[in-house]
PDB file of N, CA and C in Angstrom:
ATOM      1  N   MET A   1       0.843  -1.187   0.000  1.00  0.00           N
ATOM      2  CA  MET A   1       0.000   0.000   0.000  1.00  0.00           C
ATOM      3  C   MET A   1       0.879   1.238   0.000  1.00  0.00           C
ATOM      4  N   THR A   2       0.438   2.213  -0.749  1.00  0.00           N
ATOM      5  CA  THR A   2       1.178   3.466  -0.828  1.00  0.00           C
ATOM      6  C   THR A   2       0.195   4.620  -0.756  1.00  0.00           C
ATOM      7  N   ILE A   3       0.533   5.596   0.052  1.00  0.00           N
ATOM      8  CA  ILE A   3      -0.249   6.835   0.110  1.00  0.00           C
ATOM      9  C   ILE A   3       0.642   7.944  -0.424  1.00  0.00           C
ATOM     10  N   VAL A   4       0.080   8.728  -1.337  1.00  0.00           N
ATOM     11  CA  VAL A   4       0.766   9.887  -1.897  1.00  0.00           C
ATOM     12  C   VAL A   4      -0.242  11.027  -1.879  1.00  0.00           C
ATOM     13  N   ALA A   5       0.210  12.210  -1.537  1.00  0.00           N
ATOM     14  CA  ALA A   5      -0.674  13.373  -1.507  1.00  0.00           C
ATOM     15  C   ALA A   5      -0.063  14.478  -2.364  1.00  0.00           C
ATOM     16  N   ALA A   6      -0.883  15.457  -2.699  1.00  0.00           N
ATOM     17  CA  ALA A   6      -0.417  16.599  -3.485  1.00  0.00           C
ATOM     18  C   ALA A   6      -1.145  17.848  -3.031  1.00  0.00           C
ATOM     19  N   SER A   7      -0.485  18.979  -3.200  1.00  0.00           N
ATOM     20  CA  SER A   7      -1.031  20.257  -2.772  1.00  0.00           C
ATOM     21  C   SER A   7      -0.673  21.333  -3.783  1.00  0.00           C
ATOM     22  N   VAL A   8      -1.499  22.353  -3.850  1.00  0.00           N
ATOM     23  CA  VAL A   8      -1.187  23.511  -4.693  1.00  0.00           C
ATOM     24  C   VAL A   8      -0.229  24.451  -3.976  1.00  0.00           C
ATOM     25  N   ASP A   9      -0.020  24.234  -2.689  1.00  0.00           N
ATOM     26  CA  ASP A   9       0.813  25.125  -1.892  1.00  0.00           C
ATOM     27  C   ASP A   9       2.281  25.079  -2.316  1.00  0.00           C
ATOM     28  N   SER A  10       3.026  26.065  -1.857  1.00  0.00           N
ATOM     29  CA  SER A  10       4.464  26.131  -2.118  1.00  0.00           C
ATOM     30  C   SER A  10       5.182  25.019  -1.357  1.00  0.00           C
ATOM     31  N   LEU A  11       6.439  24.785  -1.688  1.00  0.00           N
ATOM     32  CA  LEU A  11       7.243  23.783  -0.981  1.00  0.00           C
ATOM     33  C   LEU A  11       7.300  24.112   0.504  1.00  0.00           C
ATOM     34  N   GLU A  12       7.516  25.370   0.829  1.00  0.00           N
ATOM     35  CA  GLU A  12       7.624  25.789   2.229  1.00  0.00           C
ATOM     36  C   GLU A  12       6.332  25.497   2.999  1.00  0.00           C
ATOM     37  N   ASP A  13       5.192  25.895   2.448  1.00  0.00           N
ATOM     38  CA  ASP A  13       3.918  25.672   3.132  1.00  0.00           C
ATOM     39  C   ASP A  13       3.563  24.188   3.188  1.00  0.00           C
ATOM     40  N   THR A  14       3.825  23.458   2.098  1.00  0.00           N
ATOM     41  CA  THR A  14       3.528  22.029   2.075  1.00  0.00           C
ATOM     42  C   THR A  14       4.383  21.287   3.089  1.00  0.00           C
ATOM     43  N   SER A  15       5.649  21.667   3.211  1.00  0.00           N
ATOM     44  CA  SER A  15       6.556  20.995   4.149  1.00  0.00           C
ATOM     45  C   SER A  15       6.068  21.094   5.590  1.00  0.00           C
ATOM     46  N   LYS A  16       5.457  22.197   5.939  1.00  0.00           N
ATOM     47  CA  LYS A  16       4.947  22.373   7.306  1.00  0.00           C
ATOM     48  C   LYS A  16       3.911  21.305   7.644  1.00  0.00           C
ATOM     49  N   VAL A  17       3.112  20.928   6.668  1.00  0.00           N
ATOM     50  CA  VAL A  17       2.069  19.923   6.864  1.00  0.00           C
ATOM     51  C   VAL A  17       2.614  18.521   6.617  1.00  0.00           C
ATOM     52  N   ALA A  18       3.479  18.376   5.629  1.00  0.00           N
ATOM     53  CA  ALA A  18       3.911  17.059   5.163  1.00  0.00           C
ATOM     54  C   ALA A  18       4.961  16.404   6.047  1.00  0.00           C
ATOM     55  N   ASP A  19       5.831  17.179   6.658  1.00  0.00           N
ATOM     56  CA  ASP A  19       6.958  16.597   7.401  1.00  0.00           C
ATOM     57  C   ASP A  19       6.561  15.505   8.383  1.00  0.00           C
ATOM     58  N   PRO A  20       5.526  15.682   9.192  1.00  0.00           N
ATOM     59  CA  PRO A  20       5.192  14.628  10.157  1.00  0.00           C
ATOM     60  C   PRO A  20       4.361  13.466   9.602  1.00  0.00           C
ATOM     61  N   LEU A  21       3.964  13.504   8.334  1.00  0.00           N
ATOM     62  CA  LEU A  21       3.014  12.526   7.811  1.00  0.00           C
ATOM     63  C   LEU A  21       3.598  11.146   7.536  1.00  0.00           C
ATOM     64  N   GLY A  22       4.828  11.075   7.060  1.00  0.00           N
ATOM     65  CA  GLY A  22       5.416   9.775   6.776  1.00  0.00           C
ATOM     66  C   GLY A  22       5.105   9.235   5.388  1.00  0.00           C
ATOM     67  N   PHE A  23       4.529  10.048   4.513  1.00  0.00           N
ATOM     68  CA  PHE A  23       4.318   9.663   3.121  1.00  0.00           C
ATOM     69  C   PHE A  23       4.567  10.903   2.260  1.00  0.00           C
ATOM     70  N   PRO A  24       4.896  10.686   0.975  1.00  0.00           N
ATOM     71  CA  PRO A  24       5.245  11.822   0.120  1.00  0.00           C
ATOM     72  C   PRO A  24       4.064  12.749  -0.155  1.00  0.00           C
ATOM     73  N   VAL A  25       4.371  14.035  -0.198  1.00  0.00           N
ATOM     74  CA  VAL A  25       3.373  15.046  -0.541  1.00  0.00           C
ATOM     75  C   VAL A  25       3.987  15.955  -1.611  1.00  0.00           C
ATOM     76  N   ALA A  26       3.411  15.934  -2.796  1.00  0.00           N
ATOM     77  CA  ALA A  26       3.867  16.804  -3.882  1.00  0.00           C
ATOM     78  C   ALA A  26       3.367  18.216  -3.610  1.00  0.00           C
ATOM     79  N   TYR A  27       4.041  19.195  -4.161  1.00  0.00           N
ATOM     80  CA  TYR A  27       3.649  20.588  -3.956  1.00  0.00           C
ATOM     81  C   TYR A  27       3.555  21.301  -5.306  1.00  0.00           C
ATOM     82  N   GLY A  28       2.891  22.445  -5.299  1.00  0.00           N
ATOM     83  CA  GLY A  28       2.819  23.275  -6.496  1.00  0.00           C
ATOM     84  C   GLY A  28       1.957  22.708  -7.608  1.00  0.00           C
ATOM     85  N   VAL A  29       0.934  21.931  -7.263  1.00  0.00           N
ATOM     86  CA  VAL A  29       0.068  21.337  -8.283  1.00  0.00           C
ATOM     87  C   VAL A  29      -0.657  22.448  -9.037  1.00  0.00           C
ATOM     88  N   THR A  30      -0.616  22.366 -10.357  1.00  0.00           N
ATOM     89  CA  THR A  30      -1.272  23.359 -11.207  1.00  0.00           C
ATOM     90  C   THR A  30      -2.685  22.902 -11.556  1.00  0.00           C
ATOM     91  N   ARG A  31      -3.444  23.798 -12.100  1.00  0.00           N
ATOM     92  CA  ARG A  31      -4.795  23.436 -12.523  1.00  0.00           C
ATOM     93  C   ARG A  31      -4.753  22.330 -13.576  1.00  0.00           C
ATOM     94  N   GLU A  32      -3.829  22.438 -14.501  1.00  0.00           N
ATOM     95  CA  GLU A  32      -3.707  21.418 -15.552  1.00  0.00           C
ATOM     96  C   GLU A  32      -3.402  20.046 -14.944  1.00  0.00           C
ATOM     97  N   GLN A  33      -2.530  20.003 -13.956  1.00  0.00           N
ATOM     98  CA  GLN A  33      -2.220  18.730 -13.296  1.00  0.00           C
ATOM     99  C   GLN A  33      -3.429  18.212 -12.530  1.00  0.00           C
ATOM    100  N   GLY A  34      -4.139  19.106 -11.863  1.00  0.00           N
ATOM    101  CA  GLY A  34      -5.353  18.708 -11.155  1.00  0.00           C
ATOM    102  C   GLY A  34      -6.388  18.133 -12.106  1.00  0.00           C
ATOM    103  N   ASP A  35      -6.551  18.784 -13.246  1.00  0.00           N
ATOM    104  CA  ASP A  35      -7.487  18.279 -14.262  1.00  0.00           C
ATOM    105  C   ASP A  35      -7.061  16.896 -14.747  1.00  0.00           C
ATOM    106  N   ALA A  36      -5.761  16.704 -14.923  1.00  0.00           N
ATOM    107  CA  ALA A  36      -5.248  15.429 -15.439  1.00  0.00           C
ATOM    108  C   ALA A  36      -5.534  14.265 -14.493  1.00  0.00           C
ATOM    109  N   ILE A  37      -5.568  14.541 -13.185  1.00  0.00           N
ATOM    110  CA  ILE A  37      -5.837  13.457 -12.224  1.00  0.00           C
ATOM    111  C   ILE A  37      -7.304  13.377 -11.817  1.00  0.00           C
ATOM    112  N   GLY A  38      -8.128  14.257 -12.380  1.00  0.00           N
ATOM    113  CA  GLY A  38      -9.557  14.211 -12.082  1.00  0.00           C
ATOM    114  C   GLY A  38      -9.954  14.946 -10.817  1.00  0.00           C
ATOM    115  N   ALA A  39      -9.106  15.868 -10.369  1.00  0.00           N
ATOM    116  CA  ALA A  39      -9.415  16.641  -9.166  1.00  0.00           C
ATOM    117  C   ALA A  39     -10.506  17.672  -9.457  1.00  0.00           C
ATOM    118  N   TRP A  40     -11.066  18.199  -8.410  1.00  0.00           N
ATOM    119  CA  TRP A  40     -12.148  19.174  -8.520  1.00  0.00           C
ATOM    120  C   TRP A  40     -11.584  20.574  -8.317  1.00  0.00           C
ATOM    121  N   TRP A  41     -11.679  21.394  -9.336  1.00  0.00           N
ATOM    122  CA  TRP A  41     -11.193  22.772  -9.271  1.00  0.00           C
ATOM    123  C   TRP A  41     -12.366  23.688  -8.969  1.00  0.00           C
ATOM    124  N   ASP A  42     -12.236  24.498  -7.929  1.00  0.00           N
ATOM    125  CA  ASP A  42     -13.268  25.443  -7.526  1.00  0.00           C
ATOM    126  C   ASP A  42     -13.122  26.709  -8.360  1.00  0.00           C
ATOM    127  N   GLU A  43     -14.023  26.910  -9.298  1.00  0.00           N
ATOM    128  CA  GLU A  43     -13.968  28.066 -10.192  1.00  0.00           C
ATOM    129  C   GLU A  43     -14.120  29.379  -9.422  1.00  0.00           C
ATOM    130  N   ARG A  44     -15.022  29.381  -8.443  1.00  0.00           N
ATOM    131  CA  ARG A  44     -15.318  30.620  -7.710  1.00  0.00           C
ATOM    132  C   ARG A  44     -14.092  31.140  -6.968  1.00  0.00           C
ATOM    133  N   ARG A  45     -13.355  30.223  -6.317  1.00  0.00           N
ATOM    134  CA  ARG A  45     -12.191  30.640  -5.529  1.00  0.00           C
ATOM    135  C   ARG A  45     -10.868  30.345  -6.236  1.00  0.00           C
ATOM    136  N   ASN A  46     -10.949  29.778  -7.440  1.00  0.00           N
ATOM    137  CA  ASN A  46      -9.782  29.489  -8.269  1.00  0.00           C
ATOM    138  C   ASN A  46      -8.707  28.683  -7.532  1.00  0.00           C
ATOM    139  N   HIS A  47      -9.133  27.563  -6.973  1.00  0.00           N
ATOM    140  CA  HIS A  47      -8.158  26.652  -6.372  1.00  0.00           C
ATOM    141  C   HIS A  47      -8.710  25.236  -6.357  1.00  0.00           C
ATOM    142  N   ILE A  48      -7.825  24.294  -6.157  1.00  0.00           N
ATOM    143  CA  ILE A  48      -8.197  22.888  -6.143  1.00  0.00           C
ATOM    144  C   ILE A  48      -8.867  22.557  -4.812  1.00  0.00           C
ATOM    145  N   GLN A  49      -9.897  21.761  -4.868  1.00  0.00           N
ATOM    146  CA  GLN A  49     -10.570  21.288  -3.667  1.00  0.00           C
ATOM    147  C   GLN A  49     -10.036  19.889  -3.332  1.00  0.00           C
ATOM    148  N   PRO A  50     -10.204  19.453  -2.083  1.00  0.00           N
ATOM    149  CA  PRO A  50      -9.752  18.102  -1.732  1.00  0.00           C
ATOM    150  C   PRO A  50     -10.409  17.060  -2.643  1.00  0.00           C
ATOM    151  N   SER A  51      -9.566  16.303  -3.308  1.00  0.00           N
ATOM    152  CA  SER A  51     -10.006  15.258  -4.237  1.00  0.00           C
ATOM    153  C   SER A  51      -9.114  14.060  -3.969  1.00  0.00           C
ATOM    154  N   GLU A  52      -9.698  12.975  -3.516  1.00  0.00           N
ATOM    155  CA  GLU A  52      -8.902  11.834  -3.069  1.00  0.00           C
ATOM    156  C   GLU A  52      -9.330  10.582  -3.808  1.00  0.00           C
ATOM    157  N   PHE A  53      -8.342   9.771  -4.130  1.00  0.00           N
ATOM    158  CA  PHE A  53      -8.593   8.595  -4.948  1.00  0.00           C
ATOM    159  C   PHE A  53      -7.916   7.376  -4.348  1.00  0.00           C
ATOM    160  N   LEU A  54      -8.620   6.270  -4.350  1.00  0.00           N
ATOM    161  CA  LEU A  54      -8.051   4.976  -3.992  1.00  0.00           C
ATOM    162  C   LEU A  54      -7.928   4.220  -5.309  1.00  0.00           C
ATOM    163  N   LEU A  55      -6.691   3.897  -5.689  1.00  0.00           N
ATOM    164  CA  LEU A  55      -6.424   3.307  -6.994  1.00  0.00           C
ATOM    165  C   LEU A  55      -6.051   1.839  -6.870  1.00  0.00           C
ATOM    166  N   THR A  56      -6.348   1.084  -7.918  1.00  0.00           N
ATOM    167  CA  THR A  56      -5.870  -0.284  -8.016  1.00  0.00           C
ATOM    168  C   THR A  56      -4.403  -0.243  -8.445  1.00  0.00           C
ATOM    169  N   LYS A  57      -3.747  -1.387  -8.419  1.00  0.00           N
ATOM    170  CA  LYS A  57      -2.343  -1.434  -8.860  1.00  0.00           C
ATOM    171  C   LYS A  57      -2.191  -0.972 -10.302  1.00  0.00           C
ATOM    172  N   SER A  58      -3.209  -1.193 -11.112  1.00  0.00           N
ATOM    173  CA  SER A  58      -3.138  -0.794 -12.519  1.00  0.00           C
ATOM    174  C   SER A  58      -3.471   0.686 -12.729  1.00  0.00           C
ATOM    175  N   GLY A  59      -3.860   1.397 -11.655  1.00  0.00           N
ATOM    176  CA  GLY A  59      -4.160   2.821 -11.750  1.00  0.00           C
ATOM    177  C   GLY A  59      -5.625   3.146 -11.943  1.00  0.00           C
ATOM    178  N   LYS A  60      -6.480   2.145 -11.956  1.00  0.00           N
ATOM    179  CA  LYS A  60      -7.918   2.376 -12.096  1.00  0.00           C
ATOM    180  C   LYS A  60      -8.465   2.945 -10.787  1.00  0.00           C
ATOM    181  N   VAL A  61      -9.342   3.939 -10.880  1.00  0.00           N
ATOM    182  CA  VAL A  61      -9.949   4.528  -9.682  1.00  0.00           C
ATOM    183  C   VAL A  61     -10.949   3.537  -9.103  1.00  0.00           C
ATOM    184  N   MET A  62     -10.690   3.121  -7.870  1.00  0.00           N
ATOM    185  CA  MET A  62     -11.565   2.183  -7.174  1.00  0.00           C
ATOM    186  C   MET A  62     -12.612   2.933  -6.355  1.00  0.00           C
ATOM    187  N   MET A  63     -12.180   3.990  -5.682  1.00  0.00           N
ATOM    188  CA  MET A  63     -13.063   4.838  -4.871  1.00  0.00           C
ATOM    189  C   MET A  63     -12.507   6.259  -4.919  1.00  0.00           C
ATOM    190  N   SER A  64     -13.393   7.224  -4.711  1.00  0.00           N
ATOM    191  CA  SER A  64     -12.945   8.612  -4.673  1.00  0.00           C
ATOM    192  C   SER A  64     -13.812   9.414  -3.725  1.00  0.00           C
ATOM    193  N   THR A  65     -13.242  10.497  -3.227  1.00  0.00           N
ATOM    194  CA  THR A  65     -14.006  11.452  -2.428  1.00  0.00           C
ATOM    195  C   THR A  65     -13.673  12.852  -2.943  1.00  0.00           C
ATOM    196  N   TYR A  66     -14.668  13.704  -2.908  1.00  0.00           N
ATOM    197  CA  TYR A  66     -14.504  15.100  -3.284  1.00  0.00           C
ATOM    198  C   TYR A  66     -15.139  15.925  -2.170  1.00  0.00           C
ATOM    199  N   SER A  67     -14.497  17.024  -1.813  1.00  0.00           N
ATOM    200  CA  SER A  67     -15.012  17.843  -0.737  1.00  0.00           C
ATOM    201  C   SER A  67     -14.789  19.313  -1.069  1.00  0.00           C
ATOM    202  N   ASN A  68     -15.688  20.155  -0.590  1.00  0.00           N
ATOM    203  CA  ASN A  68     -15.467  21.590  -0.761  1.00  0.00           C
ATOM    204  C   ASN A  68     -15.231  22.266   0.589  1.00  0.00           C
ATOM    205  N   SER A  69     -14.824  21.460   1.562  1.00  0.00           N
ATOM    206  CA  SER A  69     -14.491  21.965   2.891  1.00  0.00           C
ATOM    207  C   SER A  69     -13.622  20.925   3.586  1.00  0.00           C
ATOM    208  N   PRO A  70     -13.153  21.208   4.797  1.00  0.00           N
ATOM    209  CA  PRO A  70     -12.354  20.213   5.511  1.00  0.00           C
ATOM    210  C   PRO A  70     -13.148  18.941   5.861  1.00  0.00           C
ATOM    211  N   ILE A  71     -14.469  19.039   5.861  1.00  0.00           N
ATOM    212  CA  ILE A  71     -15.298  17.868   6.173  1.00  0.00           C
ATOM    213  C   ILE A  71     -15.284  16.923   4.985  1.00  0.00           C
ATOM    214  N   GLY A  72     -15.112  15.647   5.259  1.00  0.00           N
ATOM    215  CA  GLY A  72     -15.173  14.642   4.212  1.00  0.00           C
ATOM    216  C   GLY A  72     -13.833  14.243   3.631  1.00  0.00           C
ATOM    217  N   ARG A  73     -12.755  14.798   4.131  1.00  0.00           N
ATOM    218  CA  ARG A  73     -11.439  14.421   3.632  1.00  0.00           C
ATOM    219  C   ARG A  73     -11.035  13.064   4.190  1.00  0.00           C
ATOM    220  N   MET A  74     -10.285  12.307   3.385  1.00  0.00           N
ATOM    221  CA  MET A  74      -9.786  11.011   3.841  1.00  0.00           C
ATOM    222  C   MET A  74      -8.757  11.212   4.941  1.00  0.00           C
ATOM    223  N   ASP A  75      -8.866  10.421   5.972  1.00  0.00           N
ATOM    224  CA  ASP A  75      -7.857  10.381   7.020  1.00  0.00           C
ATOM    225  C   ASP A  75      -6.876   9.273   6.635  1.00  0.00           C
ATOM    226  N   PRO A  76      -5.555   9.518   6.649  1.00  0.00           N
ATOM    227  CA  PRO A  76      -4.607   8.491   6.235  1.00  0.00           C
ATOM    228  C   PRO A  76      -4.776   7.161   6.982  1.00  0.00           C
ATOM    229  N   ALA A  77      -5.002   7.207   8.290  1.00  0.00           N
ATOM    230  CA  ALA A  77      -5.166   5.967   9.062  1.00  0.00           C
ATOM    231  C   ALA A  77      -6.416   5.217   8.610  1.00  0.00           C
ATOM    232  N   GLU A  78      -7.487   5.934   8.355  1.00  0.00           N
ATOM    233  CA  GLU A  78      -8.715   5.295   7.861  1.00  0.00           C
ATOM    234  C   GLU A  78      -8.510   4.707   6.474  1.00  0.00           C
ATOM    235  N   ALA A  79      -7.760   5.410   5.630  1.00  0.00           N
ATOM    236  CA  ALA A  79      -7.487   4.898   4.286  1.00  0.00           C
ATOM    237  C   ALA A  79      -6.686   3.604   4.360  1.00  0.00           C
ATOM    238  N   ILE A  80      -5.713   3.537   5.248  1.00  0.00           N
ATOM    239  CA  ILE A  80      -4.919   2.319   5.413  1.00  0.00           C
ATOM    240  C   ILE A  80      -5.798   1.184   5.928  1.00  0.00           C
ATOM    241  N   THR A  81      -6.678   1.474   6.879  1.00  0.00           N
ATOM    242  CA  THR A  81      -7.605   0.455   7.378  1.00  0.00           C
ATOM    243  C   THR A  81      -8.499  -0.047   6.260  1.00  0.00           C
ATOM    244  N   LEU A  82      -9.025   0.860   5.457  1.00  0.00           N
ATOM    245  CA  LEU A  82      -9.876   0.477   4.330  1.00  0.00           C
ATOM    246  C   LEU A  82      -9.104  -0.387   3.344  1.00  0.00           C
ATOM    247  N   MET A  83      -7.885   0.012   3.011  1.00  0.00           N
ATOM    248  CA  MET A  83      -7.084  -0.769   2.067  1.00  0.00           C
ATOM    249  C   MET A  83      -6.798  -2.171   2.617  1.00  0.00           C
ATOM    250  N   GLY A  84      -6.520  -2.274   3.914  1.00  0.00           N
ATOM    251  CA  GLY A  84      -6.302  -3.583   4.522  1.00  0.00           C
ATOM    252  C   GLY A  84      -7.539  -4.453   4.424  1.00  0.00           C
ATOM    253  N   TYR A  85      -8.689  -3.872   4.690  1.00  0.00           N
ATOM    254  CA  TYR A  85      -9.953  -4.600   4.589  1.00  0.00           C
ATOM    255  C   TYR A  85     -10.195  -5.067   3.152  1.00  0.00           C
ATOM    256  N   LEU A  86     -10.020  -4.168   2.208  1.00  0.00           N
ATOM    257  CA  LEU A  86     -10.241  -4.525   0.805  1.00  0.00           C
ATOM    258  C   LEU A  86      -9.270  -5.613   0.345  1.00  0.00           C
ATOM    259  N   ASN A  87      -8.017  -5.532   0.780  1.00  0.00           N
ATOM    260  CA  ASN A  87      -7.045  -6.570   0.436  1.00  0.00           C
ATOM    261  C   ASN A  87      -7.440  -7.905   1.036  1.00  0.00           C
ATOM    262  N   ALA A  88      -7.947  -7.907   2.270  1.00  0.00           N
ATOM    263  CA  ALA A  88      -8.390  -9.149   2.911  1.00  0.00           C
ATOM    264  C   ALA A  88      -9.585  -9.736   2.168  1.00  0.00           C
ATOM    265  N   GLN A  89     -10.515  -8.893   1.747  1.00  0.00           N
ATOM    266  CA  GLN A  89     -11.665  -9.368   0.986  1.00  0.00           C
ATOM    267  C   GLN A  89     -11.232  -9.960  -0.352  1.00  0.00           C
ATOM    268  N   HIS A  90     -10.278  -9.310  -0.986  1.00  0.00           N
ATOM    269  CA  HIS A  90      -9.749  -9.811  -2.251  1.00  0.00           C
ATOM    270  C   HIS A  90      -9.072 -11.161  -2.058  1.00  0.00           C
ATOM    271  N   ALA A  91      -8.305 -11.308  -0.976  1.00  0.00           N
ATOM    272  CA  ALA A  91      -7.627 -12.573  -0.691  1.00  0.00           C
ATOM    273  C   ALA A  91      -8.638 -13.691  -0.447  1.00  0.00           C
ATOM    274  N   LYS A  92      -9.732 -13.387   0.261  1.00  0.00           N
ATOM    275  CA  LYS A  92     -10.782 -14.392   0.499  1.00  0.00           C
ATOM    276  C   LYS A  92     -11.408 -14.825  -0.820  1.00  0.00           C
ATOM    277  N   LYS A  93     -11.673 -13.868  -1.683  1.00  0.00           N
ATOM    278  CA  LYS A  93     -12.278 -14.167  -2.984  1.00  0.00           C
ATOM    279  C   LYS A  93     -11.344 -15.044  -3.816  1.00  0.00           C
ATOM    280  N   GLU A  94     -10.058 -14.724  -3.792  1.00  0.00           N
ATOM    281  CA  GLU A  94      -9.080 -15.508  -4.547  1.00  0.00           C
ATOM    282  C   GLU A  94      -8.941 -16.923  -3.994  1.00  0.00           C
ATOM    283  N   ALA A  95      -9.123 -17.089  -2.685  1.00  0.00           N
ATOM    284  CA  ALA A  95      -8.995 -18.402  -2.051  1.00  0.00           C
ATOM    285  C   ALA A  95     -10.167 -19.313  -2.388  1.00  0.00           C
ATOM    286  N   ASN A  96     -11.310 -18.734  -2.731  1.00  0.00           N
ATOM    287  CA  ASN A  96     -12.509 -19.533  -3.040  1.00  0.00           C
ATOM    288  C   ASN A  96     -12.562 -19.959  -4.447  1.00  0.00           C
TER     289      ASN A  96
END
């Protein structure tokens, strides 16, 4: 399992949040890059909104969340728990 995050913020601002996380956080995401990954761009405020994706190994979007506020964002620990559960379900299916 791998968690990767991205932000439109500068390296300095992103580092303040990213340093304690333990997973990579990209910085300086542009609108074009956000569009390329399917993120939600807020036209009114001209910035990217939280857009989170759980991908398969092949890169297919398995689940996604979109939010226009801090409510509804994926928590890294919850995402890891979900991925563990999904992997266990997949293993059970493969065993049958």
